[in-house]
Amino acid sequence: MENNELLYLSMVAFTCYGFNLAQGLRAAINRGDTVRITPKILCFVFCISVSIIAINIMLDSPYSSFIIYLHSLIMIFQSAMIWYSKPD
């Protein structure tokens, strides 16, 4: 695949959008709104899928170990934003 950089740039945009979605869920949780499980699952699947696709795109890169580490941390942060309950 020749245009890995352009594909990875689109994955960066999708990752930012995933953080925006997760932050919206987090804000609703912190306000005390009722957040159903369906939006949480959909947001979680979107965030994980974007990170996995970004990792697969950049596997041939000389920085692949850094990309894997970075996207693993991103998956953990986004999952925490989605699944943690409201703080006391």
N, C-alpha and C. Protein backbone atom coordinates (compact mmCIF):
# COMPACT_ATOMS: atom_id res chain seq x y z
N MET A 1 0.85 -1.17 0.00
CA MET A 1 0.00 0.00 0.00
C MET A 1 0.90 1.23 0.00
N GLU A 2 0.60 2.19 -0.88
CA GLU A 2 1.51 3.29 -1.07
C GLU A 2 1.18 4.53 -0.26
N ASN A 3 -0.07 4.82 -0.03
CA ASN A 3 -0.44 6.07 0.63
C ASN A 3 -0.77 5.85 2.10
N ASN A 4 0.13 5.21 2.82
CA ASN A 4 -0.11 4.95 4.23
C ASN A 4 -0.24 6.22 5.05
N GLU A 5 0.51 7.24 4.68
CA GLU A 5 0.46 8.48 5.44
C GLU A 5 -0.91 9.13 5.34
N LEU A 6 -1.49 9.13 4.14
CA LEU A 6 -2.81 9.72 3.96
C LEU A 6 -3.87 8.90 4.70
N LEU A 7 -3.75 7.58 4.66
CA LEU A 7 -4.69 6.74 5.40
C LEU A 7 -4.54 6.94 6.90
N TYR A 8 -3.30 7.06 7.36
CA TYR A 8 -3.08 7.28 8.79
C TYR A 8 -3.60 8.64 9.23
N LEU A 9 -3.49 9.65 8.37
CA LEU A 9 -4.03 10.96 8.69
C LEU A 9 -5.55 10.90 8.86
N SER A 10 -6.21 10.11 8.04
CA SER A 10 -7.66 9.95 8.22
C SER A 10 -7.96 9.22 9.52
N MET A 11 -7.11 8.28 9.93
CA MET A 11 -7.31 7.60 11.20
C MET A 11 -7.09 8.56 12.38
N VAL A 12 -6.20 9.51 12.22
CA VAL A 12 -6.00 10.53 13.26
C VAL A 12 -7.27 11.37 13.40
N ALA A 13 -7.87 11.72 12.27
CA ALA A 13 -9.12 12.49 12.31
C ALA A 13 -10.22 11.67 12.99
N PHE A 14 -10.32 10.39 12.66
CA PHE A 14 -11.33 9.53 13.29
C PHE A 14 -11.05 9.33 14.77
N THR A 15 -9.78 9.29 15.16
CA THR A 15 -9.43 9.18 16.58
C THR A 15 -9.86 10.43 17.33
N CYS A 16 -9.65 11.59 16.73
CA CYS A 16 -10.12 12.84 17.36
C CYS A 16 -11.64 12.84 17.49
N TYR A 17 -12.33 12.34 16.47
CA TYR A 17 -13.78 12.25 16.54
C TYR A 17 -14.20 11.26 17.63
N GLY A 18 -13.45 10.17 17.80
CA GLY A 18 -13.73 9.21 18.87
C GLY A 18 -13.59 9.85 20.24
N PHE A 19 -12.56 10.69 20.42
CA PHE A 19 -12.42 11.41 21.68
C PHE A 19 -13.57 12.38 21.89
N ASN A 20 -14.04 13.01 20.81
CA ASN A 20 -15.18 13.91 20.92
C ASN A 20 -16.44 13.14 21.35
N LEU A 21 -16.67 11.98 20.76
CA LEU A 21 -17.81 11.15 21.16
C LEU A 21 -17.70 10.70 22.62
N ALA A 22 -16.51 10.24 23.00
CA ALA A 22 -16.29 9.77 24.37
C ALA A 22 -16.46 10.93 25.36
N GLN A 23 -16.00 12.12 24.99
CA GLN A 23 -16.15 13.27 25.87
C GLN A 23 -17.62 13.65 26.03
N GLY A 24 -18.40 13.52 24.96
CA GLY A 24 -19.83 13.79 25.05
C GLY A 24 -20.52 12.83 26.01
N LEU A 25 -20.16 11.55 25.94
CA LEU A 25 -20.70 10.57 26.88
C LEU A 25 -20.25 10.88 28.30
N ARG A 26 -18.97 11.23 28.45
CA ARG A 26 -18.44 11.53 29.78
C ARG A 26 -19.15 12.75 30.39
N ALA A 27 -19.42 13.76 29.58
CA ALA A 27 -20.11 14.96 30.08
C ALA A 27 -21.52 14.61 30.53
N ALA A 28 -22.20 13.76 29.76
CA ALA A 28 -23.55 13.35 30.14
C ALA A 28 -23.53 12.54 31.43
N ILE A 29 -22.54 11.68 31.58
CA ILE A 29 -22.42 10.88 32.80
C ILE A 29 -22.15 11.78 33.99
N ASN A 30 -21.26 12.75 33.83
CA ASN A 30 -20.91 13.65 34.93
C ASN A 30 -22.08 14.56 35.32
N ARG A 31 -22.94 14.90 34.36
CA ARG A 31 -24.12 15.71 34.67
C ARG A 31 -25.18 14.91 35.41
N GLY A 32 -25.07 13.60 35.37
CA GLY A 32 -26.05 12.75 36.02
C GLY A 32 -27.17 12.32 35.10
N ASP A 33 -27.02 12.58 33.79
CA ASP A 33 -28.03 12.15 32.82
C ASP A 33 -28.03 10.63 32.72
N THR A 34 -29.16 10.09 32.31
CA THR A 34 -29.23 8.66 32.08
C THR A 34 -28.57 8.35 30.74
N VAL A 35 -27.51 7.59 30.78
CA VAL A 35 -26.80 7.19 29.55
C VAL A 35 -27.03 5.70 29.38
N ARG A 36 -27.71 5.35 28.32
CA ARG A 36 -28.01 3.94 28.06
C ARG A 36 -26.77 3.21 27.58
N ILE A 37 -26.86 1.90 27.60
CA ILE A 37 -25.71 1.07 27.25
C ILE A 37 -25.44 1.07 25.75
N THR A 38 -26.47 1.27 24.92
CA THR A 38 -26.28 1.22 23.47
C THR A 38 -25.31 2.28 22.97
N PRO A 39 -25.45 3.57 23.35
CA PRO A 39 -24.45 4.54 22.88
C PRO A 39 -23.05 4.24 23.40
N LYS A 40 -22.96 3.71 24.60
CA LYS A 40 -21.64 3.36 25.14
C LYS A 40 -20.99 2.27 24.30
N ILE A 41 -21.78 1.25 23.95
CA ILE A 41 -21.24 0.14 23.15
C ILE A 41 -20.84 0.63 21.76
N LEU A 42 -21.69 1.44 21.12
CA LEU A 42 -21.38 1.94 19.79
C LEU A 42 -20.13 2.82 19.79
N CYS A 43 -20.01 3.68 20.76
CA CYS A 43 -18.83 4.54 20.87
C CYS A 43 -17.58 3.71 21.15
N PHE A 44 -17.70 2.72 22.01
CA PHE A 44 -16.58 1.84 22.33
C PHE A 44 -16.11 1.07 21.09
N VAL A 45 -17.06 0.52 20.34
CA VAL A 45 -16.71 -0.24 19.13
C VAL A 45 -16.05 0.69 18.10
N PHE A 46 -16.57 1.91 17.95
CA PHE A 46 -15.98 2.86 17.02
C PHE A 46 -14.54 3.18 17.42
N CYS A 47 -14.32 3.51 18.68
CA CYS A 47 -12.98 3.88 19.14
C CYS A 47 -11.99 2.74 19.00
N ILE A 48 -12.38 1.55 19.37
CA ILE A 48 -11.49 0.39 19.26
C ILE A 48 -11.21 0.07 17.80
N SER A 49 -12.23 0.14 16.95
CA SER A 49 -12.04 -0.16 15.53
C SER A 49 -11.07 0.82 14.88
N VAL A 50 -11.20 2.09 15.18
CA VAL A 50 -10.30 3.09 14.60
C VAL A 50 -8.86 2.82 15.03
N SER A 51 -8.65 2.51 16.29
CA SER A 51 -7.28 2.24 16.77
C SER A 51 -6.71 0.98 16.13
N ILE A 52 -7.50 -0.05 15.99
CA ILE A 52 -7.02 -1.29 15.38
C ILE A 52 -6.70 -1.09 13.91
N ILE A 53 -7.55 -0.35 13.20
CA ILE A 53 -7.28 -0.07 11.78
C ILE A 53 -6.01 0.77 11.65
N ALA A 54 -5.84 1.77 12.51
CA ALA A 54 -4.63 2.60 12.46
C ALA A 54 -3.38 1.77 12.72
N ILE A 55 -3.46 0.85 13.65
CA ILE A 55 -2.31 -0.03 13.93
C ILE A 55 -2.01 -0.89 12.71
N ASN A 56 -3.04 -1.47 12.09
CA ASN A 56 -2.84 -2.33 10.92
C ASN A 56 -2.28 -1.56 9.73
N ILE A 57 -2.67 -0.31 9.58
CA ILE A 57 -2.15 0.49 8.47
C ILE A 57 -0.66 0.73 8.63
N MET A 58 -0.22 0.98 9.84
CA MET A 58 1.17 1.39 10.07
C MET A 58 2.09 0.26 10.51
N LEU A 59 1.70 -0.99 10.33
CA LEU A 59 2.56 -2.10 10.76
C LEU A 59 3.88 -2.17 10.02
N ASP A 60 3.92 -1.71 8.77
CA ASP A 60 5.16 -1.75 7.99
C ASP A 60 6.05 -0.53 8.23
N SER A 61 5.60 0.37 9.05
CA SER A 61 6.35 1.59 9.33
C SER A 61 7.53 1.30 10.25
N PRO A 62 8.60 2.08 10.13
CA PRO A 62 9.71 1.90 11.08
C PRO A 62 9.32 2.28 12.51
N TYR A 63 8.23 3.01 12.65
CA TYR A 63 7.75 3.43 13.97
C TYR A 63 6.58 2.58 14.46
N SER A 64 6.46 1.37 13.96
CA SER A 64 5.29 0.55 14.27
C SER A 64 5.17 0.25 15.76
N SER A 65 6.26 0.03 16.46
CA SER A 65 6.16 -0.26 17.89
C SER A 65 5.64 0.95 18.65
N PHE A 66 6.06 2.16 18.26
CA PHE A 66 5.56 3.38 18.87
C PHE A 66 4.08 3.57 18.57
N ILE A 67 3.67 3.28 17.34
CA ILE A 67 2.26 3.41 16.94
C ILE A 67 1.40 2.45 17.73
N ILE A 68 1.85 1.23 17.91
CA ILE A 68 1.09 0.24 18.68
C ILE A 68 0.96 0.70 20.13
N TYR A 69 2.04 1.17 20.72
CA TYR A 69 2.01 1.67 22.10
C TYR A 69 1.07 2.86 22.22
N LEU A 70 1.17 3.81 21.32
CA LEU A 70 0.33 5.01 21.35
C LEU A 70 -1.15 4.67 21.23
N HIS A 71 -1.49 3.82 20.27
CA HIS A 71 -2.90 3.48 20.09
C HIS A 71 -3.43 2.57 21.19
N SER A 72 -2.57 1.81 21.82
CA SER A 72 -3.01 1.04 22.99
C SER A 72 -3.39 1.98 24.12
N LEU A 73 -2.58 3.01 24.34
CA LEU A 73 -2.92 4.01 25.36
C LEU A 73 -4.20 4.76 25.01
N ILE A 74 -4.36 5.08 23.74
CA ILE A 74 -5.58 5.77 23.29
C ILE A 74 -6.80 4.90 23.57
N MET A 75 -6.70 3.60 23.29
CA MET A 75 -7.83 2.70 23.55
C MET A 75 -8.16 2.66 25.04
N ILE A 76 -7.15 2.64 25.88
CA ILE A 76 -7.38 2.61 27.33
C ILE A 76 -8.04 3.90 27.79
N PHE A 77 -7.53 5.05 27.34
CA PHE A 77 -8.11 6.34 27.75
C PHE A 77 -9.55 6.48 27.30
N GLN A 78 -9.82 6.13 26.04
CA GLN A 78 -11.18 6.25 25.54
C GLN A 78 -12.12 5.28 26.25
N SER A 79 -11.66 4.09 26.53
CA SER A 79 -12.49 3.13 27.26
C SER A 79 -12.81 3.62 28.66
N ALA A 80 -11.82 4.22 29.31
CA ALA A 80 -12.06 4.77 30.65
C ALA A 80 -13.08 5.90 30.59
N MET A 81 -12.99 6.74 29.58
CA MET A 81 -13.94 7.84 29.45
C MET A 81 -15.36 7.32 29.25
N ILE A 82 -15.49 6.22 28.56
CA ILE A 82 -16.81 5.69 28.23
C ILE A 82 -17.40 4.91 29.39
N TRP A 83 -16.62 4.06 30.04
CA TRP A 83 -17.19 3.08 30.95
C TRP A 83 -17.17 3.43 32.43
N TYR A 84 -16.30 4.37 32.85
CA TYR A 84 -16.31 4.70 34.27
C TYR A 84 -17.59 5.40 34.68
N SER A 85 -18.04 5.12 35.88
CA SER A 85 -19.27 5.75 36.37
C SER A 85 -18.99 7.16 36.87
N LYS A 86 -20.05 7.86 37.27
CA LYS A 86 -19.93 9.23 37.73
C LYS A 86 -19.10 9.27 39.02
N PRO A 87 -18.15 10.23 39.09
CA PRO A 87 -17.38 10.35 40.32
C PRO A 87 -18.24 10.89 41.45
N ASP A 88 -17.84 10.57 42.67
CA ASP A 88 -18.61 11.04 43.84
C ASP A 88 -18.35 12.48 44.16
